[in-house]
Protein backbone atom coordinates (compact mmCIF):
# COMPACT_ATOMS: atom_id res chain seq x y z
CA MET A 1 -86.46 -60.64 27.11
CA PHE A 2 -86.16 -57.29 28.49
CA PHE A 3 -85.43 -54.14 26.45
CA ARG A 4 -82.21 -52.30 27.39
CA ASN A 5 -82.63 -49.02 25.65
CA LEU A 6 -85.85 -47.23 24.75
CA THR A 7 -86.22 -44.91 21.73
CA LEU A 8 -89.92 -43.77 21.63
CA PHE A 9 -92.26 -42.67 18.91
CA ARG A 10 -95.87 -41.53 19.18
CA PHE A 11 -98.58 -42.38 16.74
CA PRO A 12 -102.27 -41.38 16.54
CA LEU A 13 -104.65 -43.77 18.37
CA THR A 14 -106.71 -43.76 15.20
CA THR A 15 -103.99 -45.60 13.31
CA LYS A 16 -105.42 -48.66 11.70
CA LEU A 17 -103.69 -51.87 12.41
CA ASP A 18 -106.23 -54.25 11.04
CA ASP A 19 -103.97 -55.44 8.11
CA LEU A 20 -100.84 -55.64 10.24
CA ASP A 21 -100.41 -59.38 10.19
CA ALA A 22 -100.79 -59.61 6.41
CA GLY A 23 -98.35 -56.75 6.03
CA LEU A 24 -95.79 -58.34 8.28
CA GLU A 25 -95.99 -61.49 6.38
CA GLU A 26 -95.45 -59.67 3.10
CA CYS A 27 -92.46 -57.88 4.59
CA ARG A 28 -90.97 -61.01 6.22
CA LEU A 29 -87.09 -61.10 6.19
CA LYS A 30 -85.64 -62.59 3.04
CA PRO A 31 -82.07 -63.99 2.99
CA VAL A 32 -79.51 -61.53 1.88
CA GLY A 33 -78.72 -62.00 -1.84
CA PRO A 34 -75.26 -62.87 -3.04
CA MET A 35 -74.80 -59.38 -4.39
CA GLU A 36 -76.50 -57.52 -1.48
CA LEU A 37 -74.83 -55.88 1.42
CA SER A 38 -77.92 -56.21 3.74
CA SER A 39 -81.50 -57.43 4.09
CA ARG A 40 -84.22 -56.28 6.50
CA GLY A 41 -87.67 -57.65 7.25
CA PHE A 42 -89.79 -59.00 10.01
CA ILE A 43 -89.15 -62.30 11.87
CA SER A 44 -91.06 -64.07 14.64
CA PRO A 45 -90.49 -62.32 18.01
CA PHE A 46 -89.67 -65.78 19.46
CA GLY A 47 -86.73 -66.19 17.04
CA ARG A 48 -85.94 -67.41 13.62
CA GLN A 49 -85.57 -71.10 14.83
CA ASP A 50 -88.81 -71.14 16.81
CA ALA A 51 -90.37 -74.52 16.34
CA GLY A 52 -93.45 -74.00 18.45
CA ARG A 53 -97.04 -73.84 17.57
CA ASP A 54 -96.78 -70.16 16.69
CA ALA A 55 -93.64 -70.55 14.75
CA GLU A 56 -94.97 -68.54 11.81
CA ALA A 57 -96.51 -65.75 13.89
CA MET A 58 -94.95 -62.43 13.02
CA SER A 59 -96.27 -60.59 16.01
CA HIS A 60 -97.24 -61.36 19.55
CA ARG A 61 -99.90 -59.50 21.52
CA ILE A 62 -100.71 -59.40 25.26
CA ASN A 63 -103.61 -57.12 26.06
CA ASP A 64 -102.79 -53.64 24.52
CA ALA A 65 -99.23 -54.53 24.04
CA LEU A 66 -97.86 -55.71 20.63
CA TRP A 67 -94.42 -57.16 20.16
CA LEU A 68 -92.71 -56.88 16.72
CA THR A 69 -89.20 -57.84 15.61
CA VAL A 70 -87.21 -56.56 12.68
CA GLY A 71 -84.54 -58.97 11.63
CA GLY A 72 -81.52 -58.28 9.57
CA GLU A 73 -78.77 -59.98 7.65
CA ASP A 74 -75.55 -58.08 6.85
CA ARG A 75 -72.64 -59.31 4.75
CA LEU A 76 -69.28 -58.48 6.61
CA LEU A 77 -66.92 -57.12 3.91
CA PRO A 78 -64.34 -54.94 5.80
CA GLY A 79 -63.09 -51.99 3.85
CA SER A 80 -59.56 -52.86 5.03
CA VAL A 81 -59.80 -56.24 3.19
CA VAL A 82 -60.94 -54.62 0.02
CA ASN A 83 -58.30 -51.91 0.13
CA ASP A 84 -55.53 -54.29 0.82
CA MET A 85 -56.43 -56.49 -2.20
CA LEU A 86 -56.77 -53.31 -4.23
CA ALA A 87 -53.36 -52.12 -3.30
CA LYS A 88 -51.86 -55.43 -4.28
CA LYS A 89 -53.65 -55.40 -7.72
CA LEU A 90 -52.57 -51.84 -8.37
CA ALA A 91 -48.95 -52.64 -7.49
CA GLU A 92 -49.01 -55.55 -9.91
CA ILE A 93 -50.24 -53.34 -12.68
CA GLU A 94 -47.69 -50.66 -11.94
CA GLN A 95 -44.83 -53.25 -12.01
CA LYS A 96 -46.10 -54.78 -15.19
CA GLU A 97 -46.88 -51.53 -17.12
CA GLY A 98 -44.45 -49.15 -15.53
CA ARG A 99 -47.15 -46.55 -14.66
CA LYS A 100 -49.56 -46.00 -11.83
CA PRO A 101 -53.21 -46.74 -12.75
CA GLY A 102 -55.59 -43.77 -13.05
CA GLY A 103 -58.67 -43.07 -11.11
CA ARG A 104 -61.13 -44.88 -13.46
CA THR A 105 -58.93 -48.02 -13.45
CA ARG A 106 -58.73 -47.94 -9.68
CA LYS A 107 -62.55 -47.62 -9.41
CA ARG A 108 -63.07 -50.42 -11.96
CA ILE A 109 -60.73 -52.77 -10.23
CA LYS A 110 -62.28 -51.96 -6.78
CA ASP A 111 -65.80 -52.72 -8.09
CA GLU A 112 -64.60 -55.96 -9.56
CA LEU A 113 -63.09 -56.94 -6.28
CA ILE A 114 -66.30 -56.24 -4.35
CA VAL A 115 -68.29 -58.31 -6.88
CA ASP A 116 -65.83 -61.16 -6.39
CA LEU A 117 -65.66 -61.04 -2.63
CA LEU A 118 -69.28 -60.14 -1.67
CA PRO A 119 -70.83 -63.63 -2.30
CA ARG A 120 -68.19 -65.20 -0.04
CA ALA A 121 -68.46 -62.67 2.78
CA PHE A 122 -69.67 -63.93 6.21
CA ILE A 123 -73.31 -63.07 7.04
CA LYS A 124 -74.14 -61.47 10.42
CA PRO A 125 -77.77 -61.99 11.59
CA GLY A 126 -79.34 -59.36 13.86
CA ARG A 127 -82.65 -58.32 15.47
CA THR A 128 -84.26 -55.17 16.87
CA ASP A 129 -87.41 -55.54 18.99
CA ALA A 130 -90.33 -53.13 19.16
CA LEU A 131 -93.22 -52.65 21.49
CA LEU A 132 -96.52 -51.03 20.25
CA ASP A 133 -98.54 -49.74 23.14
CA LEU A 134 -101.98 -49.55 21.61
CA GLU A 135 -103.31 -47.77 24.73
CA HIS A 136 -101.12 -44.75 24.44
CA GLY A 137 -100.25 -44.71 20.76
CA LEU A 138 -96.57 -45.44 21.60
CA CYS A 139 -93.92 -47.20 19.60
CA VAL A 140 -90.93 -48.25 21.78
CA VAL A 141 -87.74 -49.58 19.94
CA ASP A 142 -85.04 -51.41 21.81
CA THR A 143 -82.15 -49.26 20.79
CA SER A 144 -80.45 -45.99 21.65
CA SER A 145 -79.66 -45.32 18.09
CA ARG A 146 -82.06 -42.87 16.43
CA LYS A 147 -81.07 -44.18 13.02
CA SER A 148 -81.82 -47.82 14.00
CA ALA A 149 -85.12 -46.74 15.57
CA GLU A 150 -86.17 -44.83 12.41
CA ASN A 151 -85.42 -47.97 10.39
CA VAL A 152 -87.72 -50.03 12.50
CA ALA A 153 -90.44 -47.39 12.21
CA SER A 154 -89.93 -47.36 8.45
CA GLU A 155 -90.25 -51.16 8.30
CA ILE A 156 -93.57 -50.91 10.25
CA ARG A 157 -94.64 -48.17 7.81
CA ARG A 158 -93.77 -50.42 4.83
CA ALA A 159 -95.84 -53.30 6.37
CA LEU A 160 -98.94 -51.07 7.03
CA GLY A 161 -98.69 -48.77 4.10
CA SER A 162 -99.04 -45.79 6.53
CA PHE A 163 -97.67 -45.40 10.02
CA PRO A 164 -97.50 -41.71 11.08
CA ALA A 165 -95.20 -42.20 14.03
CA LEU A 166 -93.12 -39.25 15.22
CA PRO A 167 -90.23 -39.03 17.71
CA LEU A 168 -91.15 -37.78 21.12
CA ASN A 169 -91.32 -34.02 21.40
CA ALA A 170 -91.42 -32.04 24.66
CA GLU A 171 -93.15 -28.76 25.15
CA VAL A 172 -90.42 -27.66 27.53
CA ALA A 173 -86.73 -28.14 26.92
CA PRO A 174 -85.83 -31.51 28.66
CA ARG A 175 -82.54 -30.10 29.62
CA SER A 176 -84.10 -27.42 31.84
CA ILE A 177 -86.32 -29.94 33.50
CA LEU A 178 -83.48 -32.44 34.20
CA THR A 179 -81.32 -29.56 35.52
CA GLY A 180 -84.15 -28.52 37.81
CA TRP A 181 -84.55 -31.98 39.25
CA LEU A 182 -80.84 -32.26 40.01
CA ALA A 183 -80.84 -28.81 41.54
CA GLY A 184 -83.47 -29.77 44.10
CA GLU A 185 -86.88 -29.17 42.43
CA THR A 186 -89.51 -31.64 43.47
CA LEU A 187 -89.48 -34.82 41.31
CA PRO A 188 -92.66 -36.41 40.13
CA GLU A 189 -94.30 -38.83 42.40
CA GLY A 190 -92.45 -42.15 42.28
CA LEU A 191 -89.31 -40.87 40.65
CA SER A 192 -85.97 -40.60 42.64
CA LEU A 193 -82.51 -39.72 41.57
CA GLY A 194 -79.99 -42.50 40.65
CA ASP A 195 -76.23 -42.29 40.74
CA GLU A 196 -75.34 -41.09 37.30
CA CYS A 197 -75.49 -37.80 35.38
CA GLU A 198 -73.96 -35.87 32.59
CA LEU A 199 -73.55 -32.03 32.79
CA ARG A 200 -72.53 -29.66 29.94
CA ASP A 201 -71.53 -26.13 29.72
CA PRO A 202 -74.18 -24.45 27.42
CA VAL A 203 -71.45 -22.66 25.40
CA ASP A 204 -70.20 -24.28 22.16
CA GLN A 205 -67.32 -26.66 22.88
CA GLY A 206 -67.88 -26.16 26.54
CA ALA A 207 -66.85 -28.56 29.32
CA VAL A 208 -68.60 -31.96 29.74
CA VAL A 209 -68.66 -33.62 33.17
CA LYS A 210 -69.81 -37.28 33.47
CA CYS A 211 -70.47 -38.64 36.87
CA GLN A 212 -71.10 -42.30 37.63
CA ARG A 213 -71.62 -44.17 40.93
CA MET A 214 -71.75 -41.12 43.07
CA GLU A 215 -74.10 -39.08 45.29
CA LEU A 216 -75.93 -36.61 42.96
CA GLN A 217 -76.97 -34.29 45.71
CA GLY A 218 -73.49 -33.61 47.03
CA GLU A 219 -71.33 -30.47 46.96
CA GLU A 220 -69.42 -31.41 43.95
CA ILE A 221 -72.50 -31.51 41.74
CA ASN A 222 -73.84 -28.31 43.18
CA LYS A 223 -70.65 -26.56 42.27
CA HIS A 224 -71.06 -27.61 38.65
CA LEU A 225 -74.65 -26.42 38.73
CA GLU A 226 -73.62 -23.10 40.15
CA SER A 227 -71.07 -22.61 37.47
CA GLY A 228 -73.85 -22.74 34.92
CA LYS A 229 -73.60 -26.32 33.65
CA GLN A 230 -76.81 -28.05 32.62
CA VAL A 231 -77.93 -31.55 32.90
CA THR A 232 -78.10 -33.56 29.62
CA ARG A 233 -78.48 -37.01 31.05
CA LEU A 234 -79.76 -38.15 34.50
CA ALA A 235 -80.20 -41.48 36.13
CA LEU A 236 -83.60 -42.01 37.69
CA THR A 237 -85.59 -44.79 39.40
CA LEU A 238 -89.30 -45.34 39.41
CA ASP A 239 -90.76 -46.86 42.61
CA ASP A 240 -87.85 -49.30 42.91
CA HIS A 241 -89.16 -51.10 39.97
CA VAL A 242 -87.37 -49.50 37.05
CA SER A 243 -83.99 -47.72 36.69
CA PHE A 244 -82.92 -45.81 33.56
CA VAL A 245 -80.89 -42.86 32.34
CA LEU A 246 -82.94 -40.17 30.72
CA GLY A 247 -81.25 -37.95 28.11
CA GLU A 248 -82.19 -34.61 26.75
CA ASP A 249 -82.90 -36.38 23.54
CA LEU A 250 -85.74 -38.29 25.31
CA VAL A 251 -84.03 -41.56 24.82
CA LEU A 252 -84.00 -43.92 27.90
CA ARG A 253 -80.74 -45.73 28.19
CA LYS A 254 -79.69 -48.50 30.60
CA PHE A 255 -83.30 -49.51 31.15
CA LYS A 256 -83.47 -52.17 33.75
CA LEU A 257 -86.21 -53.83 35.79
CA LEU A 258 -85.35 -54.01 39.47
CA ASP A 259 -86.11 -56.52 42.17
CA GLY A 260 -89.42 -54.82 43.01
CA ALA A 261 -90.66 -55.73 39.44
CA VAL A 262 -88.74 -59.00 38.86
CA ASP A 263 -89.97 -60.50 42.04
CA GLN A 264 -93.32 -60.73 40.34
CA LEU A 265 -91.88 -63.13 37.88
CA GLU A 266 -90.32 -65.39 40.50
CA SER A 267 -93.63 -65.73 42.32
CA THR A 268 -95.27 -67.35 39.32
CA GLU A 269 -94.55 -70.93 38.15
CA ARG A 270 -94.33 -71.54 34.44
CA ASP A 271 -93.75 -74.74 32.60
CA ASP A 272 -91.96 -73.80 29.31
CA VAL A 273 -89.87 -71.11 27.64
CA ARG A 274 -92.77 -69.57 25.77
CA ALA A 275 -94.69 -68.94 28.98
CA GLU A 276 -91.57 -67.42 30.54
CA LEU A 277 -91.28 -65.08 27.48
CA ASP A 278 -94.97 -64.19 27.76
CA ALA A 279 -94.61 -63.32 31.43
CA ARG A 280 -91.60 -61.25 30.79
CA PHE A 281 -93.01 -59.31 27.93
CA ALA A 282 -96.21 -58.69 29.95
CA LEU A 283 -94.22 -57.45 32.89
CA MET A 284 -91.89 -55.19 30.82
CA SER A 285 -94.68 -53.69 28.74
CA ALA A 286 -96.73 -52.85 31.94
CA GLU A 287 -93.69 -51.11 33.49
CA VAL A 288 -92.95 -49.20 30.23
CA LYS A 289 -96.60 -47.97 30.07
CA ARG A 290 -96.45 -46.93 33.77
CA LEU A 291 -93.23 -45.11 33.24
CA PHE A 292 -94.37 -43.33 30.15
CA VAL A 293 -97.48 -41.98 31.99
CA VAL A 294 -95.12 -40.32 34.60
CA LEU A 295 -92.76 -38.93 31.98
CA GLU A 296 -95.53 -37.78 29.67
CA SER A 297 -96.83 -35.47 32.43
CA ALA A 298 -93.50 -34.46 33.88
CA LEU A 299 -91.82 -33.56 30.49
CA LYS A 300 -94.98 -32.16 29.00
CA LEU A 301 -94.75 -34.54 25.95
CA SER A 302 -96.67 -33.35 22.91
CA LYS A 303 -99.46 -35.66 21.42
CA VAL A 304 -99.58 -36.70 17.79
CA GLU A 305 -102.76 -35.46 15.96
CA ALA A 306 -104.60 -37.81 13.75
């Protein structure tokens, strides 16, 4: 398992996690009810069907890295299906009574249809993984959606009773730093430019230029910078171990471990799937921590006070 997108929060190092396991158990995912649209709760990081010796474990820890997983069940009831059946019902009433049903009648019939259809709707399972870096007070959620990440933080807060995690905040506008790097300013040690960027005109409704699979230090990019466009997303690589696209929203997209890091996995023999997952999580968490230390200094990320 490797995370693909990183939305990060910071929490005070003084945050107490002593009762985490009990809290996770209390907030275990419950099957979505027949009249519910969705259900959220924690599941084993190793999967819902894990039959191993730690099948009931709701978290997994390696050194100062803690792996949590929020599971979900959503009933799939497309609005188009409801609206189609509603239209047929309304047409029948109009034909029978010779008049169009009013707003209250429409709402009542629609509610009745939902009550009838919901228990029969298909259920879609889902999961969102999170990494708690206890050394740096960092919560990393495997999503590029701020809403989904906030939902995971809220579930952790529900399990702990208190979890004062806040989204990353930079003391200097990330857009200005990214623009400077692309314009030729010295990058932090270990970082190098990738082959993707997004540039925006700073005025409202201004032009947006997206570049992929191209040399970022060429004349074409320079012309955009000279015209006043600013960088809002920039592909970067850390020591040939990690590649990612850093946005001005401080979300890391397209996160990928490169051969320089993955080679470490291939050099170690493991006997089972659990050992493989352990090795992957240990490697990924170590690379995320190393990357965060670089970005914390480069972007002047604010700390969270206790």
